[in-house]
């Protein structure tokens, strides 16, 4: 959804689609879980309550539908995790613990948590550069996508971001 229909901020967050804002916002009739790998779950009908003379809003039933979509997405991610290249247990545990620590920090000092997340982002860029270049040179987009759980476009964006190459760069022939 765009803020003004012709550009500006966009969102895919489901509560933005109530048909409200004087009828200018789109109205969702169903919710669906989607993933960057191209997977999408089945459409789940969602009711929008329209109180007399008030802006429409999602009722409790729609939140239950959103929970169903979240559960479907969680199941999909579990399947993707099983199919992608495994990470060593030590790395997985370290990333989990780091995420938990940053979340805890966020409850006491949001700015410190944001600083930690930014540092994590910088480290990821530094350590991801050469692996991204190697993947670009050694694998097809399809093989990289299968190993990473991404579609071709997702692989291209990831390798561009970490490999510091132009967005129009293509895989080797």
N, C-alpha and C. Protein backbone atom coordinates (compact mmCIF):
# COMPACT_ATOMS: atom_id res chain seq x y z
N UNK A 1 0.85 -1.17 0.00
CA UNK A 1 0.00 0.00 0.00
C UNK A 1 0.89 1.23 0.00
N UNK A 2 0.58 2.21 -0.82
CA UNK A 2 1.33 3.46 -0.79
C UNK A 2 0.50 4.50 -0.07
N UNK A 3 1.18 5.45 0.51
CA UNK A 3 0.50 6.46 1.32
C UNK A 3 -0.46 7.31 0.49
N UNK A 4 -0.08 7.61 -0.76
CA UNK A 4 -0.92 8.50 -1.55
C UNK A 4 -1.33 7.90 -2.88
N UNK A 5 -1.09 6.62 -3.07
CA UNK A 5 -1.48 5.95 -4.30
C UNK A 5 -0.54 6.19 -5.46
N UNK A 6 0.37 7.14 -5.34
CA UNK A 6 1.26 7.44 -6.45
C UNK A 6 2.71 7.44 -6.02
N UNK A 7 3.03 6.79 -4.98
CA UNK A 7 4.40 6.76 -4.49
C UNK A 7 4.40 7.06 -3.01
N UNK A 8 5.55 7.24 -2.47
CA UNK A 8 5.65 7.49 -1.04
C UNK A 8 5.85 6.19 -0.28
N UNK A 9 5.69 6.24 1.04
CA UNK A 9 5.93 5.05 1.86
C UNK A 9 4.98 3.91 1.49
N UNK A 10 5.47 2.70 1.59
CA UNK A 10 4.65 1.53 1.31
C UNK A 10 4.67 0.61 2.53
N UNK A 11 3.68 -0.26 2.61
CA UNK A 11 3.63 -1.23 3.69
C UNK A 11 2.92 -2.48 3.21
N UNK A 12 3.31 -3.60 3.77
CA UNK A 12 2.58 -4.83 3.55
C UNK A 12 1.98 -5.31 4.86
N UNK A 13 2.05 -4.48 5.91
CA UNK A 13 1.51 -4.86 7.21
C UNK A 13 0.00 -4.89 7.11
N UNK A 14 -0.60 -5.98 7.49
CA UNK A 14 -2.00 -6.26 7.18
C UNK A 14 -2.99 -5.29 7.80
N UNK A 15 -2.69 -4.68 8.95
CA UNK A 15 -3.66 -3.79 9.59
C UNK A 15 -3.82 -2.46 8.85
N UNK A 16 -2.98 -2.20 7.85
CA UNK A 16 -3.11 -0.97 7.07
C UNK A 16 -4.24 -1.07 6.04
N UNK A 17 -4.80 -2.26 5.87
CA UNK A 17 -5.77 -2.49 4.79
C UNK A 17 -7.19 -2.66 5.32
N UNK A 18 -7.68 -1.64 6.04
CA UNK A 18 -9.03 -1.70 6.62
C UNK A 18 -10.07 -1.05 5.72
N UNK A 19 -9.63 -0.36 4.67
CA UNK A 19 -10.56 0.41 3.86
C UNK A 19 -10.86 1.75 4.49
N UNK A 20 -10.15 2.09 5.56
CA UNK A 20 -10.39 3.32 6.31
C UNK A 20 -9.82 4.54 5.63
N UNK A 21 -9.53 5.53 6.41
CA UNK A 21 -9.00 6.80 5.92
C UNK A 21 -9.90 7.37 4.82
N UNK A 22 -11.19 7.48 5.16
CA UNK A 22 -12.20 8.03 4.25
C UNK A 22 -12.31 7.23 2.96
N UNK A 23 -12.13 5.93 3.06
CA UNK A 23 -12.26 5.07 1.90
C UNK A 23 -11.10 5.11 0.95
N UNK A 24 -10.02 5.80 1.33
CA UNK A 24 -8.86 5.92 0.43
C UNK A 24 -7.90 4.75 0.54
N UNK A 25 -7.93 4.05 1.65
CA UNK A 25 -7.04 2.91 1.84
C UNK A 25 -7.70 1.66 1.27
N UNK A 26 -6.91 0.76 0.71
CA UNK A 26 -7.49 -0.49 0.22
C UNK A 26 -8.08 -1.31 1.37
N UNK A 27 -9.00 -2.18 1.04
CA UNK A 27 -9.62 -3.03 2.04
C UNK A 27 -9.24 -4.48 1.76
N UNK A 28 -8.60 -5.11 2.75
CA UNK A 28 -8.21 -6.51 2.60
C UNK A 28 -9.43 -7.40 2.83
N UNK A 29 -9.58 -8.38 1.99
CA UNK A 29 -10.64 -9.37 2.17
C UNK A 29 -10.06 -10.70 2.63
N UNK A 30 -8.72 -10.80 2.54
CA UNK A 30 -8.05 -12.03 2.96
C UNK A 30 -6.62 -11.68 3.34
N UNK A 31 -6.04 -12.51 4.17
CA UNK A 31 -4.63 -12.39 4.55
C UNK A 31 -3.90 -13.63 4.03
N UNK A 32 -2.63 -13.46 3.77
CA UNK A 32 -1.83 -14.57 3.24
C UNK A 32 -0.40 -14.38 3.71
N UNK A 33 0.21 -15.46 4.20
CA UNK A 33 1.62 -15.42 4.56
C UNK A 33 2.44 -15.51 3.28
N UNK A 34 3.51 -14.72 3.18
CA UNK A 34 4.39 -14.76 2.01
C UNK A 34 5.84 -14.78 2.49
N UNK A 35 6.72 -15.28 1.63
CA UNK A 35 8.13 -15.39 1.97
C UNK A 35 8.97 -14.87 0.81
N UNK A 36 10.16 -14.38 1.11
CA UNK A 36 11.04 -13.86 0.07
C UNK A 36 11.51 -14.92 -0.91
N UNK A 37 11.33 -16.20 -0.57
CA UNK A 37 11.74 -17.26 -1.49
C UNK A 37 10.71 -17.48 -2.59
N UNK A 38 9.57 -16.81 -2.51
CA UNK A 38 8.52 -16.96 -3.51
C UNK A 38 7.32 -17.75 -3.01
N UNK A 39 7.45 -18.41 -1.86
CA UNK A 39 6.36 -19.19 -1.29
C UNK A 39 5.26 -18.25 -0.81
N UNK A 40 4.01 -18.68 -0.95
CA UNK A 40 2.91 -17.96 -0.31
C UNK A 40 1.91 -18.99 0.18
N UNK A 41 1.37 -18.74 1.35
CA UNK A 41 0.37 -19.62 1.94
C UNK A 41 -0.99 -19.38 1.32
N UNK A 42 -1.96 -20.20 1.69
CA UNK A 42 -3.31 -20.02 1.15
C UNK A 42 -3.95 -18.74 1.71
N UNK A 43 -4.82 -18.15 0.90
CA UNK A 43 -5.55 -16.96 1.34
C UNK A 43 -6.48 -17.35 2.48
N UNK A 44 -6.47 -16.52 3.52
CA UNK A 44 -7.33 -16.72 4.68
C UNK A 44 -8.33 -15.56 4.75
N UNK A 45 -9.63 -15.81 4.56
CA UNK A 45 -10.61 -14.71 4.60
C UNK A 45 -10.51 -13.93 5.92
N UNK A 46 -10.58 -12.61 5.83
CA UNK A 46 -10.48 -11.74 7.01
C UNK A 46 -11.67 -10.80 7.04
N UNK A 47 -12.37 -10.74 8.15
CA UNK A 47 -13.50 -9.83 8.31
C UNK A 47 -13.02 -8.48 8.79
N UNK A 48 -13.61 -7.44 8.21
CA UNK A 48 -13.35 -6.08 8.66
C UNK A 48 -14.64 -5.56 9.27
N UNK A 49 -14.55 -5.15 10.53
CA UNK A 49 -15.72 -4.59 11.20
C UNK A 49 -15.88 -3.14 10.75
N UNK A 50 -17.12 -2.75 10.44
CA UNK A 50 -17.38 -1.38 10.03
C UNK A 50 -18.43 -0.77 10.95
N UNK A 51 -18.01 -0.27 12.12
CA UNK A 51 -18.96 0.36 13.03
C UNK A 51 -19.63 1.56 12.37
N UNK A 52 -20.89 1.77 12.66
CA UNK A 52 -21.67 2.87 12.09
C UNK A 52 -20.97 4.21 12.33
N UNK A 53 -20.67 4.94 11.25
CA UNK A 53 -20.11 6.28 11.36
C UNK A 53 -18.66 6.33 11.80
N UNK A 54 -17.97 5.20 11.89
CA UNK A 54 -16.58 5.19 12.31
C UNK A 54 -15.71 4.59 11.22
N UNK A 55 -14.42 4.77 11.36
CA UNK A 55 -13.48 4.15 10.44
C UNK A 55 -13.56 2.64 10.57
N UNK A 56 -13.49 1.90 9.47
CA UNK A 56 -13.47 0.43 9.58
C UNK A 56 -12.22 -0.02 10.31
N UNK A 57 -12.30 -1.15 10.97
CA UNK A 57 -11.13 -1.72 11.64
C UNK A 57 -11.24 -3.24 11.64
N UNK A 58 -10.11 -3.88 11.80
CA UNK A 58 -10.12 -5.32 11.87
C UNK A 58 -10.63 -5.76 13.22
N UNK A 59 -11.52 -6.73 13.23
CA UNK A 59 -12.03 -7.28 14.47
C UNK A 59 -11.12 -8.38 14.98
N UNK A 60 -11.50 -8.97 16.09
CA UNK A 60 -10.70 -10.03 16.71
C UNK A 60 -10.51 -11.22 15.78
N UNK A 61 -11.52 -11.52 14.95
CA UNK A 61 -11.41 -12.64 14.03
C UNK A 61 -10.22 -12.45 13.09
N UNK A 62 -9.99 -11.23 12.64
CA UNK A 62 -8.88 -10.97 11.73
C UNK A 62 -7.54 -11.21 12.41
N UNK A 63 -7.45 -10.91 13.69
CA UNK A 63 -6.21 -11.17 14.43
C UNK A 63 -5.97 -12.68 14.53
N UNK A 64 -7.05 -13.46 14.69
CA UNK A 64 -6.92 -14.92 14.69
C UNK A 64 -6.43 -15.42 13.34
N UNK A 65 -6.93 -14.81 12.26
CA UNK A 65 -6.49 -15.17 10.91
C UNK A 65 -5.01 -14.82 10.75
N UNK A 66 -4.60 -13.67 11.27
CA UNK A 66 -3.18 -13.29 11.20
C UNK A 66 -2.32 -14.30 11.95
N UNK A 67 -2.80 -14.77 13.09
CA UNK A 67 -2.07 -15.80 13.84
C UNK A 67 -1.95 -17.08 13.02
N UNK A 68 -3.02 -17.46 12.31
CA UNK A 68 -2.97 -18.64 11.44
C UNK A 68 -1.92 -18.46 10.36
N UNK A 69 -1.88 -17.27 9.74
CA UNK A 69 -0.88 -17.00 8.71
C UNK A 69 0.53 -17.07 9.31
N UNK A 70 0.71 -16.56 10.50
CA UNK A 70 2.02 -16.62 11.17
C UNK A 70 2.44 -18.06 11.40
N UNK A 71 1.49 -18.90 11.82
CA UNK A 71 1.79 -20.32 12.04
C UNK A 71 2.18 -21.00 10.73
N UNK A 72 1.49 -20.67 9.62
CA UNK A 72 1.83 -21.24 8.32
C UNK A 72 3.23 -20.80 7.89
N UNK A 73 3.54 -19.54 8.13
CA UNK A 73 4.86 -19.03 7.78
C UNK A 73 5.92 -19.72 8.62
N UNK A 74 5.67 -19.90 9.92
CA UNK A 74 6.62 -20.59 10.79
C UNK A 74 6.89 -22.00 10.30
N UNK A 75 5.83 -22.71 9.88
CA UNK A 75 6.00 -24.06 9.33
C UNK A 75 6.84 -24.03 8.06
N UNK A 76 6.58 -23.05 7.20
CA UNK A 76 7.35 -22.91 5.96
C UNK A 76 8.83 -22.66 6.27
N UNK A 77 9.09 -21.76 7.21
CA UNK A 77 10.48 -21.44 7.56
C UNK A 77 11.20 -22.66 8.13
N UNK A 78 10.50 -23.47 8.90
CA UNK A 78 11.08 -24.70 9.43
C UNK A 78 11.48 -25.62 8.27
N UNK A 79 10.62 -25.73 7.25
CA UNK A 79 10.93 -26.54 6.08
C UNK A 79 12.12 -25.97 5.32
N UNK A 80 12.16 -24.66 5.16
CA UNK A 80 13.27 -24.01 4.46
C UNK A 80 14.57 -24.25 5.20
N UNK A 81 14.53 -24.12 6.53
CA UNK A 81 15.73 -24.35 7.34
C UNK A 81 16.27 -25.76 7.13
N UNK A 82 15.37 -26.74 7.02
CA UNK A 82 15.80 -28.13 6.80
C UNK A 82 16.44 -28.31 5.42
N UNK A 83 16.00 -27.51 4.44
CA UNK A 83 16.46 -27.68 3.06
C UNK A 83 17.69 -26.85 2.72
N UNK A 84 18.02 -25.85 3.53
CA UNK A 84 19.14 -24.97 3.21
C UNK A 84 20.43 -25.51 3.82
N UNK A 85 21.52 -24.85 3.43
CA UNK A 85 22.83 -25.26 3.94
C UNK A 85 22.82 -25.10 5.46
N UNK A 86 23.22 -26.14 6.19
CA UNK A 86 23.19 -26.03 7.66
C UNK A 86 24.32 -25.15 8.18
N UNK A 87 24.03 -24.47 9.26
CA UNK A 87 25.06 -23.70 9.95
C UNK A 87 25.61 -24.54 11.09
N UNK A 88 26.88 -24.37 11.42
CA UNK A 88 27.42 -25.08 12.58
C UNK A 88 26.63 -24.69 13.83
N UNK A 89 26.45 -25.65 14.72
CA UNK A 89 25.67 -25.43 15.93
C UNK A 89 26.21 -24.26 16.75
N UNK A 90 27.52 -24.12 16.81
CA UNK A 90 28.11 -23.02 17.57
C UNK A 90 27.72 -21.66 17.02
N UNK A 91 27.68 -21.53 15.70
CA UNK A 91 27.29 -20.27 15.08
C UNK A 91 25.81 -20.00 15.32
N UNK A 92 24.98 -21.02 15.14
CA UNK A 92 23.54 -20.87 15.38
C UNK A 92 23.28 -20.44 16.81
N UNK A 93 23.94 -21.08 17.76
CA UNK A 93 23.75 -20.75 19.17
C UNK A 93 24.23 -19.33 19.48
N UNK A 94 25.37 -18.98 18.93
CA UNK A 94 25.92 -17.64 19.15
C UNK A 94 24.97 -16.57 18.61
N UNK A 95 24.43 -16.76 17.41
CA UNK A 95 23.50 -15.80 16.84
C UNK A 95 22.22 -15.70 17.66
N UNK A 96 21.71 -16.85 18.12
CA UNK A 96 20.50 -16.86 18.96
C UNK A 96 20.75 -16.07 20.24
N UNK A 97 21.88 -16.36 20.91
CA UNK A 97 22.19 -15.68 22.17
C UNK A 97 22.41 -14.18 21.96
N UNK A 98 23.05 -13.81 20.87
CA UNK A 98 23.28 -12.41 20.56
C UNK A 98 21.94 -11.69 20.35
N UNK A 99 21.04 -12.32 19.61
CA UNK A 99 19.72 -11.74 19.41
C UNK A 99 18.97 -11.56 20.72
N UNK A 100 19.04 -12.55 21.59
CA UNK A 100 18.37 -12.46 22.90
C UNK A 100 18.96 -11.32 23.73
N UNK A 101 20.28 -11.18 23.72
CA UNK A 101 20.92 -10.12 24.50
C UNK A 101 20.54 -8.74 23.99
N UNK A 102 20.48 -8.58 22.67
CA UNK A 102 20.10 -7.28 22.11
C UNK A 102 18.64 -6.99 22.44
N UNK A 103 17.77 -8.00 22.39
CA UNK A 103 16.37 -7.80 22.79
C UNK A 103 16.26 -7.38 24.25
N UNK A 104 17.01 -8.03 25.14
CA UNK A 104 17.00 -7.65 26.56
C UNK A 104 17.49 -6.22 26.73
N UNK A 105 18.55 -5.88 26.02
CA UNK A 105 19.08 -4.53 26.09
C UNK A 105 18.03 -3.52 25.64
N UNK A 106 17.24 -3.88 24.63
CA UNK A 106 16.20 -2.99 24.12
C UNK A 106 15.14 -2.64 25.15
N UNK A 107 14.91 -3.52 26.12
CA UNK A 107 13.90 -3.23 27.14
C UNK A 107 14.41 -2.23 28.17
N UNK A 108 15.72 -2.11 28.31
CA UNK A 108 16.27 -1.17 29.29
C UNK A 108 16.87 0.06 28.61
N UNK A 109 17.44 -0.11 27.43
CA UNK A 109 18.06 1.01 26.72
C UNK A 109 17.88 0.82 25.21
N UNK A 110 16.76 1.28 24.67
CA UNK A 110 16.52 1.11 23.23
C UNK A 110 17.63 1.68 22.35
N UNK A 111 18.20 2.81 22.73
CA UNK A 111 19.25 3.40 21.90
C UNK A 111 20.50 2.53 21.91
N UNK A 112 20.83 1.92 23.04
CA UNK A 112 21.98 1.02 23.09
C UNK A 112 21.71 -0.23 22.25
N UNK A 113 20.47 -0.74 22.30
CA UNK A 113 20.11 -1.91 21.49
C UNK A 113 20.21 -1.57 20.00
N UNK A 114 19.77 -0.38 19.64
CA UNK A 114 19.87 0.03 18.24
C UNK A 114 21.33 0.17 17.82
N UNK A 115 22.15 0.69 18.71
CA UNK A 115 23.59 0.78 18.42
C UNK A 115 24.19 -0.61 18.24
N UNK A 116 23.80 -1.56 19.09
CA UNK A 116 24.29 -2.93 18.97
C UNK A 116 23.83 -3.55 17.65
N UNK A 117 22.58 -3.32 17.28
CA UNK A 117 22.07 -3.86 16.02
C UNK A 117 22.83 -3.25 14.84
N UNK A 118 23.13 -1.97 14.93
CA UNK A 118 23.90 -1.31 13.86
C UNK A 118 25.30 -1.90 13.77
N UNK A 119 25.94 -2.14 14.91
CA UNK A 119 27.28 -2.76 14.90
C UNK A 119 27.21 -4.16 14.29
N UNK A 120 26.16 -4.90 14.61
CA UNK A 120 25.96 -6.22 14.05
C UNK A 120 25.82 -6.14 12.53
N UNK A 121 25.09 -5.13 12.07
CA UNK A 121 24.92 -4.91 10.64
C UNK A 121 26.26 -4.63 9.97
N UNK A 122 27.10 -3.83 10.60
CA UNK A 122 28.42 -3.52 10.04
C UNK A 122 29.32 -4.75 10.00
N UNK A 123 29.30 -5.54 11.08
CA UNK A 123 30.09 -6.77 11.11
C UNK A 123 29.62 -7.72 10.00
N UNK A 124 28.31 -7.84 9.83
CA UNK A 124 27.77 -8.72 8.78
C UNK A 124 28.28 -8.30 7.41
N UNK A 125 28.30 -7.00 7.16
CA UNK A 125 28.82 -6.50 5.88
C UNK A 125 30.28 -6.82 5.68
N UNK A 126 31.06 -6.71 6.75
CA UNK A 126 32.49 -6.99 6.66
C UNK A 126 32.77 -8.47 6.44
N UNK A 127 32.12 -9.32 7.21
CA UNK A 127 32.42 -10.76 7.11
C UNK A 127 31.71 -11.41 5.93
N UNK A 128 30.71 -10.75 5.36
CA UNK A 128 29.96 -11.32 4.25
C UNK A 128 30.52 -10.99 2.88
N UNK A 129 31.44 -10.04 2.82
CA UNK A 129 31.95 -9.58 1.51
C UNK A 129 32.58 -10.70 0.69
N UNK A 130 33.60 -11.33 1.21
CA UNK A 130 34.32 -12.34 0.42
C UNK A 130 33.49 -13.60 0.19
N UNK A 131 32.73 -14.07 1.17
CA UNK A 131 31.84 -15.21 0.86
C UNK A 131 30.84 -14.88 -0.24
N UNK A 132 30.30 -13.67 -0.25
CA UNK A 132 29.36 -13.30 -1.31
C UNK A 132 30.04 -13.30 -2.66
N UNK A 133 31.27 -12.82 -2.72
CA UNK A 133 32.01 -12.83 -3.99
C UNK A 133 32.27 -14.27 -4.45
N UNK A 134 32.62 -15.15 -3.49
CA UNK A 134 32.87 -16.54 -3.84
C UNK A 134 31.61 -17.23 -4.34
N UNK A 135 30.49 -17.00 -3.66
CA UNK A 135 29.22 -17.60 -4.10
C UNK A 135 28.88 -17.12 -5.50
N UNK A 136 29.05 -15.83 -5.76
CA UNK A 136 28.75 -15.28 -7.09
C UNK A 136 29.60 -15.96 -8.16
N UNK A 137 30.87 -16.24 -7.85
CA UNK A 137 31.78 -16.83 -8.84
C UNK A 137 31.66 -18.34 -8.97
N UNK A 138 31.18 -19.01 -7.93
CA UNK A 138 31.22 -20.47 -7.92
C UNK A 138 29.86 -21.16 -8.08
N UNK A 139 28.76 -20.43 -7.96
CA UNK A 139 27.44 -21.08 -7.97
C UNK A 139 26.51 -20.39 -8.95
N UNK A 140 25.54 -21.14 -9.44
CA UNK A 140 24.47 -20.55 -10.23
C UNK A 140 23.49 -19.87 -9.28
N UNK A 141 22.69 -18.94 -9.78
CA UNK A 141 21.68 -18.32 -8.91
C UNK A 141 20.71 -19.35 -8.32
N UNK A 142 20.38 -20.37 -9.10
CA UNK A 142 19.44 -21.38 -8.62
C UNK A 142 20.06 -22.20 -7.48
N UNK A 143 21.32 -22.60 -7.62
CA UNK A 143 21.98 -23.37 -6.57
C UNK A 143 22.15 -22.53 -5.31
N UNK A 144 22.52 -21.26 -5.48
CA UNK A 144 22.67 -20.38 -4.33
C UNK A 144 21.31 -20.18 -3.66
N UNK A 145 20.27 -20.02 -4.45
CA UNK A 145 18.93 -19.84 -3.90
C UNK A 145 18.48 -21.04 -3.09
N UNK A 146 18.75 -22.23 -3.60
CA UNK A 146 18.37 -23.45 -2.87
C UNK A 146 19.14 -23.55 -1.56
N UNK A 147 20.41 -23.20 -1.58
CA UNK A 147 21.23 -23.28 -0.38
C UNK A 147 20.86 -22.22 0.66
N UNK A 148 20.37 -21.07 0.18
CA UNK A 148 20.07 -19.96 1.08
C UNK A 148 18.59 -19.81 1.40
N UNK A 149 17.74 -20.52 0.66
CA UNK A 149 16.30 -20.38 0.88
C UNK A 149 15.74 -19.10 0.29
N UNK A 150 16.29 -18.67 -0.84
CA UNK A 150 15.86 -17.43 -1.50
C UNK A 150 15.51 -17.70 -2.96
N UNK A 151 14.69 -16.82 -3.55
CA UNK A 151 14.46 -16.89 -4.98
C UNK A 151 15.62 -16.19 -5.68
N UNK A 152 15.63 -16.23 -7.03
CA UNK A 152 16.75 -15.65 -7.79
C UNK A 152 16.95 -14.17 -7.47
N UNK A 153 15.85 -13.42 -7.36
CA UNK A 153 15.95 -12.00 -7.06
C UNK A 153 16.51 -11.77 -5.66
N UNK A 154 16.10 -12.58 -4.70
CA UNK A 154 16.61 -12.47 -3.34
C UNK A 154 18.10 -12.76 -3.29
N UNK A 155 18.55 -13.77 -4.06
CA UNK A 155 19.98 -14.09 -4.13
C UNK A 155 20.74 -12.91 -4.72
N UNK A 156 20.22 -12.34 -5.80
CA UNK A 156 20.89 -11.21 -6.45
C UNK A 156 21.03 -10.04 -5.49
N UNK A 157 19.96 -9.72 -4.76
CA UNK A 157 20.01 -8.61 -3.80
C UNK A 157 21.00 -8.89 -2.66
N UNK A 158 20.99 -10.12 -2.15
CA UNK A 158 21.90 -10.48 -1.07
C UNK A 158 23.35 -10.37 -1.51
N UNK A 159 23.66 -10.92 -2.68
CA UNK A 159 25.04 -10.88 -3.16
C UNK A 159 25.46 -9.47 -3.52
N UNK A 160 24.54 -8.67 -3.98
CA UNK A 160 24.85 -7.27 -4.26
C UNK A 160 25.15 -6.54 -2.98
N UNK A 161 24.33 -6.74 -1.96
CA UNK A 161 24.52 -6.05 -0.69
C UNK A 161 25.83 -6.46 -0.02
N UNK A 162 26.11 -7.76 0.04
CA UNK A 162 27.32 -8.20 0.73
C UNK A 162 28.55 -8.20 -0.16
N UNK A 163 28.37 -8.36 -1.45
CA UNK A 163 29.51 -8.42 -2.35
C UNK A 163 29.95 -7.08 -2.89
N UNK A 164 29.27 -6.01 -2.50
CA UNK A 164 29.62 -4.64 -2.92
C UNK A 164 29.75 -4.51 -4.42
N UNK A 165 28.77 -5.07 -5.13
CA UNK A 165 28.75 -4.92 -6.58
C UNK A 165 27.51 -4.14 -6.97
N UNK A 166 27.50 -3.64 -8.17
CA UNK A 166 26.36 -2.86 -8.65
C UNK A 166 25.12 -3.75 -8.75
N UNK A 167 23.95 -3.16 -8.57
CA UNK A 167 22.71 -3.94 -8.58
C UNK A 167 22.43 -4.55 -9.96
N UNK A 168 23.02 -4.03 -11.01
CA UNK A 168 22.79 -4.58 -12.34
C UNK A 168 23.77 -5.69 -12.70
N UNK A 169 24.71 -5.98 -11.82
CA UNK A 169 25.68 -7.04 -12.10
C UNK A 169 24.98 -8.38 -12.17
N UNK A 170 25.43 -9.21 -13.05
CA UNK A 170 24.85 -10.53 -13.26
C UNK A 170 25.84 -11.60 -12.84
N UNK A 171 25.34 -12.81 -12.67
CA UNK A 171 26.22 -13.94 -12.40
C UNK A 171 27.08 -14.19 -13.62
N UNK A 172 28.21 -14.84 -13.40
CA UNK A 172 29.09 -15.19 -14.52
C UNK A 172 28.37 -16.17 -15.42
N UNK A 173 28.73 -16.21 -16.66
CA UNK A 173 28.11 -17.15 -17.61
C UNK A 173 28.77 -18.50 -17.56
